[in-house]
Structure formats: structure tokens, C-alpha cells
Amino acid sequence: MNKNYYVSGEHNFICDSCARKKKSSEARERWDGFMVCKECWEPRQPQDFVQTKEDKIVTDWARVEPPDTFISVPYTFTPDPPPDGTFN
């Protein structure tokens, strides 16, 4: 059917999804704000409305890590002579 026919109180609109020319009585607003025809209209995904619970992770007890303790050890280096006959 030709979309250029006259209907009192209506106007033509272009579908935001498929870009077809339709009458304004066929327009529906989709959840994302687009004005679409009935063929392009789709409901909002139900997973968009899922709400999560906040995890309350608490330990029974905790303690602070103690500071590091450094011990100084006196090292003395005395090089050993190489074994006989291996380094000529």
C-alpha cells in the first residue's frame, strides 16, 4: 500500500531502526528512546533489571603483620686457593 495517503490527524514518520516510512499511528517508542514501527519494536531485555546483592565479607578476627626484624651477621670472606693441577 502506498504510504502517501491522507489520514486526518496523522503524519508520516521514518522508523529509526529500519528507515521505512510509516504513519504516526504505527509508531511506538522503544526502551532506548527510538521511535520505531511495530515490526522493529522489541521489549527491553529482562537481564537489564537484575539487581545484585552486596557481599558483606567480614573476617572473624584479624591481626596486624609485625614489623620486619633484620639481623646483622658478620661474614668474613677468605678465598680458598684453587686445587692443584686443575688451573694451569
PDB file of N, CA and C in Angstrom:
ATOM      1  N   MET A   1       0.837  -1.172   0.000  1.00  0.00           N
ATOM      2  CA  MET A   1       0.000   0.000   0.000  1.00  0.00           C
ATOM      3  C   MET A   1       0.884   1.237   0.000  1.00  0.00           C
ATOM      4  N   ASN A   2       0.450   2.245  -0.732  1.00  0.00           N
ATOM      5  CA  ASN A   2       1.195   3.488  -0.818  1.00  0.00           C
ATOM      6  C   ASN A   2       1.143   4.218   0.516  1.00  0.00           C
ATOM      7  N   LYS A   3       2.271   4.652   1.058  1.00  0.00           N
ATOM      8  CA  LYS A   3       2.332   5.316   2.370  1.00  0.00           C
ATOM      9  C   LYS A   3       2.064   6.813   2.259  1.00  0.00           C
ATOM     10  N   ASN A   4       1.753   7.330   1.076  1.00  0.00           N
ATOM     11  CA  ASN A   4       1.492   8.757   0.910  1.00  0.00           C
ATOM     12  C   ASN A   4       0.000   9.060   0.906  1.00  0.00           C
ATOM     13  N   TYR A   5      -0.795   8.269   1.559  1.00  0.00           N
ATOM     14  CA  TYR A   5      -2.229   8.516   1.613  1.00  0.00           C
ATOM     15  C   TYR A   5      -2.534   9.432   2.799  1.00  0.00           C
ATOM     16  N   TYR A   6      -3.670  10.061   2.770  1.00  0.00           N
ATOM     17  CA  TYR A   6      -4.066  11.032   3.800  1.00  0.00           C
ATOM     18  C   TYR A   6      -4.901  10.363   4.871  1.00  0.00           C
ATOM     19  N   VAL A   7      -4.532  10.625   6.126  1.00  0.00           N
ATOM     20  CA  VAL A   7      -5.327  10.226   7.279  1.00  0.00           C
ATOM     21  C   VAL A   7      -5.408  11.457   8.161  1.00  0.00           C
ATOM     22  N   SER A   8      -6.598  11.861   8.514  1.00  0.00           N
ATOM     23  CA  SER A   8      -6.796  13.076   9.290  1.00  0.00           C
ATOM     24  C   SER A   8      -6.120  12.951  10.657  1.00  0.00           C
ATOM     25  N   GLY A   9      -5.323  13.937  11.035  1.00  0.00           N
ATOM     26  CA  GLY A   9      -4.672  13.983  12.337  1.00  0.00           C
ATOM     27  C   GLY A   9      -3.391  13.174  12.421  1.00  0.00           C
ATOM     28  N   GLU A  10      -2.933  12.583  11.335  1.00  0.00           N
ATOM     29  CA  GLU A  10      -1.693  11.801  11.347  1.00  0.00           C
ATOM     30  C   GLU A  10      -0.679  12.400  10.404  1.00  0.00           C
ATOM     31  N   HIS A  11       0.538  11.982  10.576  1.00  0.00           N
ATOM     32  CA  HIS A  11       1.618  12.403   9.692  1.00  0.00           C
ATOM     33  C   HIS A  11       2.515  11.197   9.417  1.00  0.00           C
ATOM     34  N   ASN A  12       3.394  11.348   8.450  1.00  0.00           N
ATOM     35  CA  ASN A  12       4.359  10.289   8.144  1.00  0.00           C
ATOM     36  C   ASN A  12       5.544  10.410   9.102  1.00  0.00           C
ATOM     37  N   PHE A  13       6.148   9.272   9.393  1.00  0.00           N
ATOM     38  CA  PHE A  13       7.390   9.287  10.161  1.00  0.00           C
ATOM     39  C   PHE A  13       8.313   8.229   9.582  1.00  0.00           C
ATOM     40  N   ILE A  14       9.587   8.383   9.823  1.00  0.00           N
ATOM     41  CA  ILE A  14      10.601   7.431   9.372  1.00  0.00           C
ATOM     42  C   ILE A  14      11.034   6.623  10.585  1.00  0.00           C
ATOM     43  N   CYS A  15      10.950   5.306  10.472  1.00  0.00           N
ATOM     44  CA  CYS A  15      11.352   4.425  11.570  1.00  0.00           C
ATOM     45  C   CYS A  15      12.850   4.599  11.832  1.00  0.00           C
ATOM     46  N   ASP A  16      13.223   4.761  13.102  1.00  0.00           N
ATOM     47  CA  ASP A  16      14.632   4.960  13.467  1.00  0.00           C
ATOM     48  C   ASP A  16      15.453   3.691  13.287  1.00  0.00           C
ATOM     49  N   SER A  17      14.817   2.549  13.189  1.00  0.00           N
ATOM     50  CA  SER A  17      15.552   1.297  13.078  1.00  0.00           C
ATOM     51  C   SER A  17      15.666   0.825  11.624  1.00  0.00           C
ATOM     52  N   CYS A  18      14.551   0.739  10.923  1.00  0.00           N
ATOM     53  CA  CYS A  18      14.588   0.196   9.554  1.00  0.00           C
ATOM     54  C   CYS A  18      14.511   1.269   8.481  1.00  0.00           C
ATOM     55  N   ALA A  19      14.259   2.525   8.844  1.00  0.00           N
ATOM     56  CA  ALA A  19      14.207   3.676   7.942  1.00  0.00           C
ATOM     57  C   ALA A  19      13.069   3.580   6.930  1.00  0.00           C
ATOM     58  N   ARG A  20      12.005   2.857   7.252  1.00  0.00           N
ATOM     59  CA  ARG A  20      10.829   2.816   6.377  1.00  0.00           C
ATOM     60  C   ARG A  20       9.884   3.938   6.769  1.00  0.00           C
ATOM     61  N   LYS A  21       9.145   4.446   5.775  1.00  0.00           N
ATOM     62  CA  LYS A  21       8.163   5.491   6.028  1.00  0.00           C
ATOM     63  C   LYS A  21       6.859   4.833   6.457  1.00  0.00           C
ATOM     64  N   LYS A  22       6.335   5.265   7.601  1.00  0.00           N
ATOM     65  CA  LYS A  22       5.098   4.720   8.155  1.00  0.00           C
ATOM     66  C   LYS A  22       4.220   5.883   8.602  1.00  0.00           C
ATOM     67  N   LYS A  23       3.000   5.586   9.004  1.00  0.00           N
ATOM     68  CA  LYS A  23       2.109   6.584   9.571  1.00  0.00           C
ATOM     69  C   LYS A  23       2.369   6.706  11.075  1.00  0.00           C
ATOM     70  N   SER A  24       2.063   7.868  11.630  1.00  0.00           N
ATOM     71  CA  SER A  24       2.377   8.116  13.039  1.00  0.00           C
ATOM     72  C   SER A  24       1.586   7.219  13.981  1.00  0.00           C
ATOM     73  N   SER A  25       0.446   6.689  13.543  1.00  0.00           N
ATOM     74  CA  SER A  25      -0.314   5.792  14.410  1.00  0.00           C
ATOM     75  C   SER A  25       0.392   4.452  14.598  1.00  0.00           C
ATOM     76  N   GLU A  26       1.327   4.125  13.721  1.00  0.00           N
ATOM     77  CA  GLU A  26       2.078   2.870  13.830  1.00  0.00           C
ATOM     78  C   GLU A  26       3.358   3.026  14.646  1.00  0.00           C
ATOM     79  N   ALA A  27       3.662   4.235  15.080  1.00  0.00           N
ATOM     80  CA  ALA A  27       4.919   4.486  15.804  1.00  0.00           C
ATOM     81  C   ALA A  27       4.797   4.074  17.256  1.00  0.00           C
ATOM     82  N   ARG A  28       5.850   3.487  17.751  1.00  0.00           N
ATOM     83  CA  ARG A  28       5.952   3.146  19.179  1.00  0.00           C
ATOM     84  C   ARG A  28       7.326   3.562  19.655  1.00  0.00           C
ATOM     85  N   GLU A  29       7.403   4.003  20.899  1.00  0.00           N
ATOM     86  CA  GLU A  29       8.700   4.368  21.458  1.00  0.00           C
ATOM     87  C   GLU A  29       9.327   3.137  22.088  1.00  0.00           C
ATOM     88  N   ARG A  30      10.535   2.827  21.668  1.00  0.00           N
ATOM     89  CA  ARG A  30      11.260   1.683  22.212  1.00  0.00           C
ATOM     90  C   ARG A  30      11.970   2.113  23.484  1.00  0.00           C
ATOM     91  N   TRP A  31      12.431   1.154  24.272  1.00  0.00           N
ATOM     92  CA  TRP A  31      13.058   1.414  25.571  1.00  0.00           C
ATOM     93  C   TRP A  31      14.296   2.293  25.462  1.00  0.00           C
ATOM     94  N   ASP A  32      14.958   2.311  24.301  1.00  0.00           N
ATOM     95  CA  ASP A  32      16.171   3.129  24.146  1.00  0.00           C
ATOM     96  C   ASP A  32      15.879   4.522  23.595  1.00  0.00           C
ATOM     97  N   GLY A  33      14.574   4.866  23.477  1.00  0.00           N
ATOM     98  CA  GLY A  33      14.205   6.199  23.034  1.00  0.00           C
ATOM     99  C   GLY A  33      13.950   6.306  21.544  1.00  0.00           C
ATOM    100  N   PHE A  34      14.170   5.262  20.758  1.00  0.00           N
ATOM    101  CA  PHE A  34      13.922   5.302  19.326  1.00  0.00           C
ATOM    102  C   PHE A  34      12.424   5.215  19.062  1.00  0.00           C
ATOM    103  N   MET A  35      11.966   5.948  18.058  1.00  0.00           N
ATOM    104  CA  MET A  35      10.588   5.827  17.585  1.00  0.00           C
ATOM    105  C   MET A  35      10.629   4.835  16.421  1.00  0.00           C
ATOM    106  N   VAL A  36       9.973   3.690  16.615  1.00  0.00           N
ATOM    107  CA  VAL A  36      10.067   2.602  15.642  1.00  0.00           C
ATOM    108  C   VAL A  36       8.670   2.122  15.249  1.00  0.00           C
ATOM    109  N   CYS A  37       8.617   1.359  14.154  1.00  0.00           N
ATOM    110  CA  CYS A  37       7.363   0.747  13.720  1.00  0.00           C
ATOM    111  C   CYS A  37       7.123  -0.524  14.528  1.00  0.00           C
ATOM    112  N   LYS A  38       5.939  -1.103  14.368  1.00  0.00           N
ATOM    113  CA  LYS A  38       5.610  -2.268  15.189  1.00  0.00           C
ATOM    114  C   LYS A  38       6.486  -3.476  14.846  1.00  0.00           C
ATOM    115  N   GLU A  39       7.006  -3.549  13.619  1.00  0.00           N
ATOM    116  CA  GLU A  39       7.887  -4.657  13.253  1.00  0.00           C
ATOM    117  C   GLU A  39       9.255  -4.558  13.935  1.00  0.00           C
ATOM    118  N   CYS A  40       9.703  -3.346  14.208  1.00  0.00           N
ATOM    119  CA  CYS A  40      11.032  -3.150  14.800  1.00  0.00           C
ATOM    120  C   CYS A  40      10.990  -3.019  16.319  1.00  0.00           C
ATOM    121  N   TRP A  41       9.798  -2.925  16.896  1.00  0.00           N
ATOM    122  CA  TRP A  41       9.699  -2.763  18.341  1.00  0.00           C
ATOM    123  C   TRP A  41      10.099  -4.047  19.035  1.00  0.00           C
ATOM    124  N   GLU A  42      10.832  -3.936  20.111  1.00  0.00           N
ATOM    125  CA  GLU A  42      11.223  -5.092  20.916  1.00  0.00           C
ATOM    126  C   GLU A  42      11.237  -4.690  22.378  1.00  0.00           C
ATOM    127  N   PRO A  43      10.857  -5.606  23.265  1.00  0.00           N
ATOM    128  CA  PRO A  43      10.865  -5.259  24.691  1.00  0.00           C
ATOM    129  C   PRO A  43      12.294  -5.188  25.218  1.00  0.00           C
ATOM    130  N   ARG A  44      12.441  -4.544  26.321  1.00  0.00           N
ATOM    131  CA  ARG A  44      13.761  -4.437  26.935  1.00  0.00           C
ATOM    132  C   ARG A  44      14.175  -5.784  27.519  1.00  0.00           C
ATOM    133  N   GLN A  45      15.448  -6.074  27.441  1.00  0.00           N
ATOM    134  CA  GLN A  45      15.994  -7.331  27.947  1.00  0.00           C
ATOM    135  C   GLN A  45      15.784  -7.409  29.466  1.00  0.00           C
ATOM    136  N   PRO A  46      15.144  -8.472  29.965  1.00  0.00           N
ATOM    137  CA  PRO A  46      14.898  -8.575  31.413  1.00  0.00           C
ATOM    138  C   PRO A  46      16.176  -8.589  32.248  1.00  0.00           C
ATOM    139  N   GLN A  47      17.287  -9.010  31.672  1.00  0.00           N
ATOM    140  CA  GLN A  47      18.543  -9.017  32.420  1.00  0.00           C
ATOM    141  C   GLN A  47      19.014  -7.606  32.770  1.00  0.00           C
ATOM    142  N   ASP A  48      18.476  -6.576  32.088  1.00  0.00           N
ATOM    143  CA  ASP A  48      18.838  -5.202  32.426  1.00  0.00           C
ATOM    144  C   ASP A  48      18.323  -4.799  33.799  1.00  0.00           C
ATOM    145  N   PHE A  49      17.319  -5.509  34.306  1.00  0.00           N
ATOM    146  CA  PHE A  49      16.700  -5.139  35.571  1.00  0.00           C
ATOM    147  C   PHE A  49      17.180  -5.985  36.744  1.00  0.00           C
ATOM    148  N   VAL A  50      18.102  -6.887  36.517  1.00  0.00           N
ATOM    149  CA  VAL A  50      18.611  -7.739  37.588  1.00  0.00           C
ATOM    150  C   VAL A  50      19.456  -6.890  38.536  1.00  0.00           C
ATOM    151  N   GLN A  51      19.181  -7.015  39.814  1.00  0.00           N
ATOM    152  CA  GLN A  51      19.951  -6.285  40.812  1.00  0.00           C
ATOM    153  C   GLN A  51      20.712  -7.290  41.659  1.00  0.00           C
ATOM    154  N   THR A  52      21.914  -6.952  41.965  1.00  0.00           N
ATOM    155  CA  THR A  52      22.747  -7.860  42.742  1.00  0.00           C
ATOM    156  C   THR A  52      22.702  -7.480  44.212  1.00  0.00           C
ATOM    157  N   LYS A  53      23.005  -8.450  45.032  1.00  0.00           N
ATOM    158  CA  LYS A  53      23.132  -8.189  46.462  1.00  0.00           C
ATOM    159  C   LYS A  53      24.584  -7.859  46.768  1.00  0.00           C
ATOM    160  N   GLU A  54      24.774  -6.970  47.715  1.00  0.00           N
ATOM    161  CA  GLU A  54      26.131  -6.609  48.101  1.00  0.00           C
ATOM    162  C   GLU A  54      26.675  -7.684  49.031  1.00  0.00           C
ATOM    163  N   ASP A  55      27.879  -8.164  48.729  1.00  0.00           N
ATOM    164  CA  ASP A  55      28.519  -9.149  49.589  1.00  0.00           C
ATOM    165  C   ASP A  55      29.108  -8.455  50.808  1.00  0.00           C
ATOM    166  N   LYS A  56      28.779  -8.967  51.973  1.00  0.00           N
ATOM    167  CA  LYS A  56      29.353  -8.431  53.208  1.00  0.00           C
ATOM    168  C   LYS A  56      30.405  -9.430  53.693  1.00  0.00           C
ATOM    169  N   ILE A  57      31.626  -9.200  53.260  1.00  0.00           N
ATOM    170  CA  ILE A  57      32.717 -10.096  53.596  1.00  0.00           C
ATOM    171  C   ILE A  57      33.414  -9.557  54.839  1.00  0.00           C
ATOM    172  N   VAL A  58      33.305 -10.303  55.931  1.00  0.00           N
ATOM    173  CA  VAL A  58      33.885  -9.891  57.202  1.00  0.00           C
ATOM    174  C   VAL A  58      34.629 -11.089  57.784  1.00  0.00           C
ATOM    175  N   THR A  59      35.810 -10.845  58.327  1.00  0.00           N
ATOM    176  CA  THR A  59      36.557 -11.919  58.974  1.00  0.00           C
ATOM    177  C   THR A  59      36.188 -11.990  60.447  1.00  0.00           C
ATOM    178  N   ASP A  60      36.356 -13.161  61.023  1.00  0.00           N
ATOM    179  CA  ASP A  60      36.073 -13.322  62.444  1.00  0.00           C
ATOM    180  C   ASP A  60      37.075 -12.554  63.302  1.00  0.00           C
ATOM    181  N   TRP A  61      38.321 -12.621  62.918  1.00  0.00           N
ATOM    182  CA  TRP A  61      39.357 -11.895  63.643  1.00  0.00           C
ATOM    183  C   TRP A  61      40.488 -11.607  62.665  1.00  0.00           C
ATOM    184  N   ALA A  62      41.298 -10.621  63.011  1.00  0.00           N
ATOM    185  CA  ALA A  62      42.433 -10.245  62.169  1.00  0.00           C
ATOM    186  C   ALA A  62      43.506  -9.644  63.058  1.00  0.00           C
ATOM    187  N   ARG A  63      44.726  -9.732  62.614  1.00  0.00           N
ATOM    188  CA  ARG A  63      45.805  -9.089  63.359  1.00  0.00           C
ATOM    189  C   ARG A  63      46.744  -8.402  62.388  1.00  0.00           C
ATOM    190  N   VAL A  64      47.480  -7.454  62.918  1.00  0.00           N
ATOM    191  CA  VAL A  64      48.392  -6.672  62.109  1.00  0.00           C
ATOM    192  C   VAL A  64      49.676  -7.450  61.906  1.00  0.00           C
ATOM    193  N   GLU A  65      50.239  -7.366  60.727  1.00  0.00           N
ATOM    194  CA  GLU A  65      51.510  -8.023  60.448  1.00  0.00           C
ATOM    195  C   GLU A  65      52.614  -7.322  61.243  1.00  0.00           C
ATOM    196  N   PRO A  66      53.449  -8.087  61.956  1.00  0.00           N
ATOM    197  CA  PRO A  66      54.505  -7.446  62.748  1.00  0.00           C
ATOM    198  C   PRO A  66      55.569  -6.832  61.836  1.00  0.00           C
ATOM    199  N   PRO A  67      56.285  -5.853  62.364  1.00  0.00           N
ATOM    200  CA  PRO A  67      57.332  -5.245  61.531  1.00  0.00           C
ATOM    201  C   PRO A  67      58.467  -6.240  61.286  1.00  0.00           C
ATOM    202  N   ASP A  68      59.162  -6.049  60.170  1.00  0.00           N
ATOM    203  CA  ASP A  68      60.274  -6.928  59.827  1.00  0.00           C
ATOM    204  C   ASP A  68      61.421  -6.744  60.819  1.00  0.00           C
ATOM    205  N   THR A  69      62.068  -7.859  61.169  1.00  0.00           N
ATOM    206  CA  THR A  69      63.216  -7.836  62.067  1.00  0.00           C
ATOM    207  C   THR A  69      64.443  -8.212  61.251  1.00  0.00           C
ATOM    208  N   PHE A  70      65.437  -7.347  61.252  1.00  0.00           N
ATOM    209  CA  PHE A  70      66.662  -7.603  60.498  1.00  0.00           C
ATOM    210  C   PHE A  70      67.779  -7.982  61.470  1.00  0.00           C
ATOM    211  N   ILE A  71      68.527  -9.008  61.110  1.00  0.00           N
ATOM    212  CA  ILE A  71      69.643  -9.476  61.924  1.00  0.00           C
ATOM    213  C   ILE A  71      70.914  -9.264  61.119  1.00  0.00           C
ATOM    214  N   SER A  72      71.896  -8.649  61.729  1.00  0.00           N
ATOM    215  CA  SER A  72      73.165  -8.461  61.022  1.00  0.00           C
ATOM    216  C   SER A  72      74.099  -9.622  61.382  1.00  0.00           C
ATOM    217  N   VAL A  73      74.658 -10.231  60.359  1.00  0.00           N
ATOM    218  CA  VAL A  73      75.573 -11.359  60.545  1.00  0.00           C
ATOM    219  C   VAL A  73      76.925 -10.951  59.967  1.00  0.00           C
ATOM    220  N   PRO A  74      77.976 -11.020  60.773  1.00  0.00           N
ATOM    221  CA  PRO A  74      79.299 -10.650  60.244  1.00  0.00           C
ATOM    222  C   PRO A  74      79.862 -11.789  59.384  1.00  0.00           C
ATOM    223  N   TYR A  75      80.071 -11.524  58.137  1.00  0.00           N
ATOM    224  CA  TYR A  75      80.668 -12.513  57.235  1.00  0.00           C
ATOM    225  C   TYR A  75      82.117 -12.145  57.004  1.00  0.00           C
ATOM    226  N   THR A  76      82.952 -13.129  57.012  1.00  0.00           N
ATOM    227  CA  THR A  76      84.349 -12.912  56.643  1.00  0.00           C
ATOM    228  C   THR A  76      84.626 -13.765  55.421  1.00  0.00           C
ATOM    229  N   PHE A  77      85.227 -13.153  54.433  1.00  0.00           N
ATOM    230  CA  PHE A  77      85.489 -13.856  53.185  1.00  0.00           C
ATOM    231  C   PHE A  77      86.969 -14.181  53.099  1.00  0.00           C
ATOM    232  N   THR A  78      87.272 -15.456  53.050  1.00  0.00           N
ATOM    233  CA  THR A  78      88.652 -15.906  52.841  1.00  0.00           C
ATOM    234  C   THR A  78      88.643 -16.811  51.621  1.00  0.00           C
ATOM    235  N   PRO A  79      89.179 -16.337  50.529  1.00  0.00           N
ATOM    236  CA  PRO A  79      89.140 -17.152  49.306  1.00  0.00           C
ATOM    237  C   PRO A  79      90.024 -18.386  49.452  1.00  0.00           C
ATOM    238  N   ASP A  80      89.516 -19.503  49.040  1.00  0.00           N
ATOM    239  CA  ASP A  80      90.298 -20.735  49.034  1.00  0.00           C
ATOM    240  C   ASP A  80      91.170 -20.753  47.790  1.00  0.00           C
ATOM    241  N   PRO A  81      92.400 -21.268  47.940  1.00  0.00           N
ATOM    242  CA  PRO A  81      93.235 -21.373  46.736  1.00  0.00           C
ATOM    243  C   PRO A  81      92.668 -22.458  45.830  1.00  0.00           C
ATOM    244  N   PRO A  82      92.851 -22.330  44.518  1.00  0.00           N
ATOM    245  CA  PRO A  82      92.339 -23.372  43.612  1.00  0.00           C
ATOM    246  C   PRO A  82      93.049 -24.687  43.837  1.00  0.00           C
ATOM    247  N   PRO A  83      92.386 -25.799  43.597  1.00  0.00           N
ATOM    248  CA  PRO A  83      93.031 -27.112  43.782  1.00  0.00           C
ATOM    249  C   PRO A  83      94.227 -27.260  42.821  1.00  0.00           C
ATOM    250  N   ASP A  84      95.178 -28.048  43.241  1.00  0.00           N
ATOM    251  CA  ASP A  84      96.376 -28.242  42.438  1.00  0.00           C
ATOM    252  C   ASP A  84      96.072 -28.998  41.162  1.00  0.00           C
ATOM    253  N   GLY A  85      96.629 -28.555  40.070  1.00  0.00           N
ATOM    254  CA  GLY A  85      96.568 -29.271  38.807  1.00  0.00           C
ATOM    255  C   GLY A  85      95.329 -29.018  37.972  1.00  0.00           C
ATOM    256  N   THR A  86      94.409 -28.237  38.441  1.00  0.00           N
ATOM    257  CA  THR A  86      93.218 -28.026  37.616  1.00  0.00           C
ATOM    258  C   THR A  86      93.289 -26.764  36.808  1.00  0.00           C
ATOM    259  N   PHE A  87      94.001 -25.747  37.277  1.00  0.00           N
ATOM    260  CA  PHE A  87      94.111 -24.481  36.545  1.00  0.00           C
ATOM    261  C   PHE A  87      95.564 -24.238  36.190  1.00  0.00           C
ATOM    262  N   ASN A  88      95.947 -24.588  34.999  1.00  0.00           N
ATOM    263  CA  ASN A  88      97.336 -24.373  34.561  1.00  0.00           C
ATOM    264  C   ASN A  88      97.444 -23.169  33.722  1.00  0.00           C
TER     265      ASN A  88
END
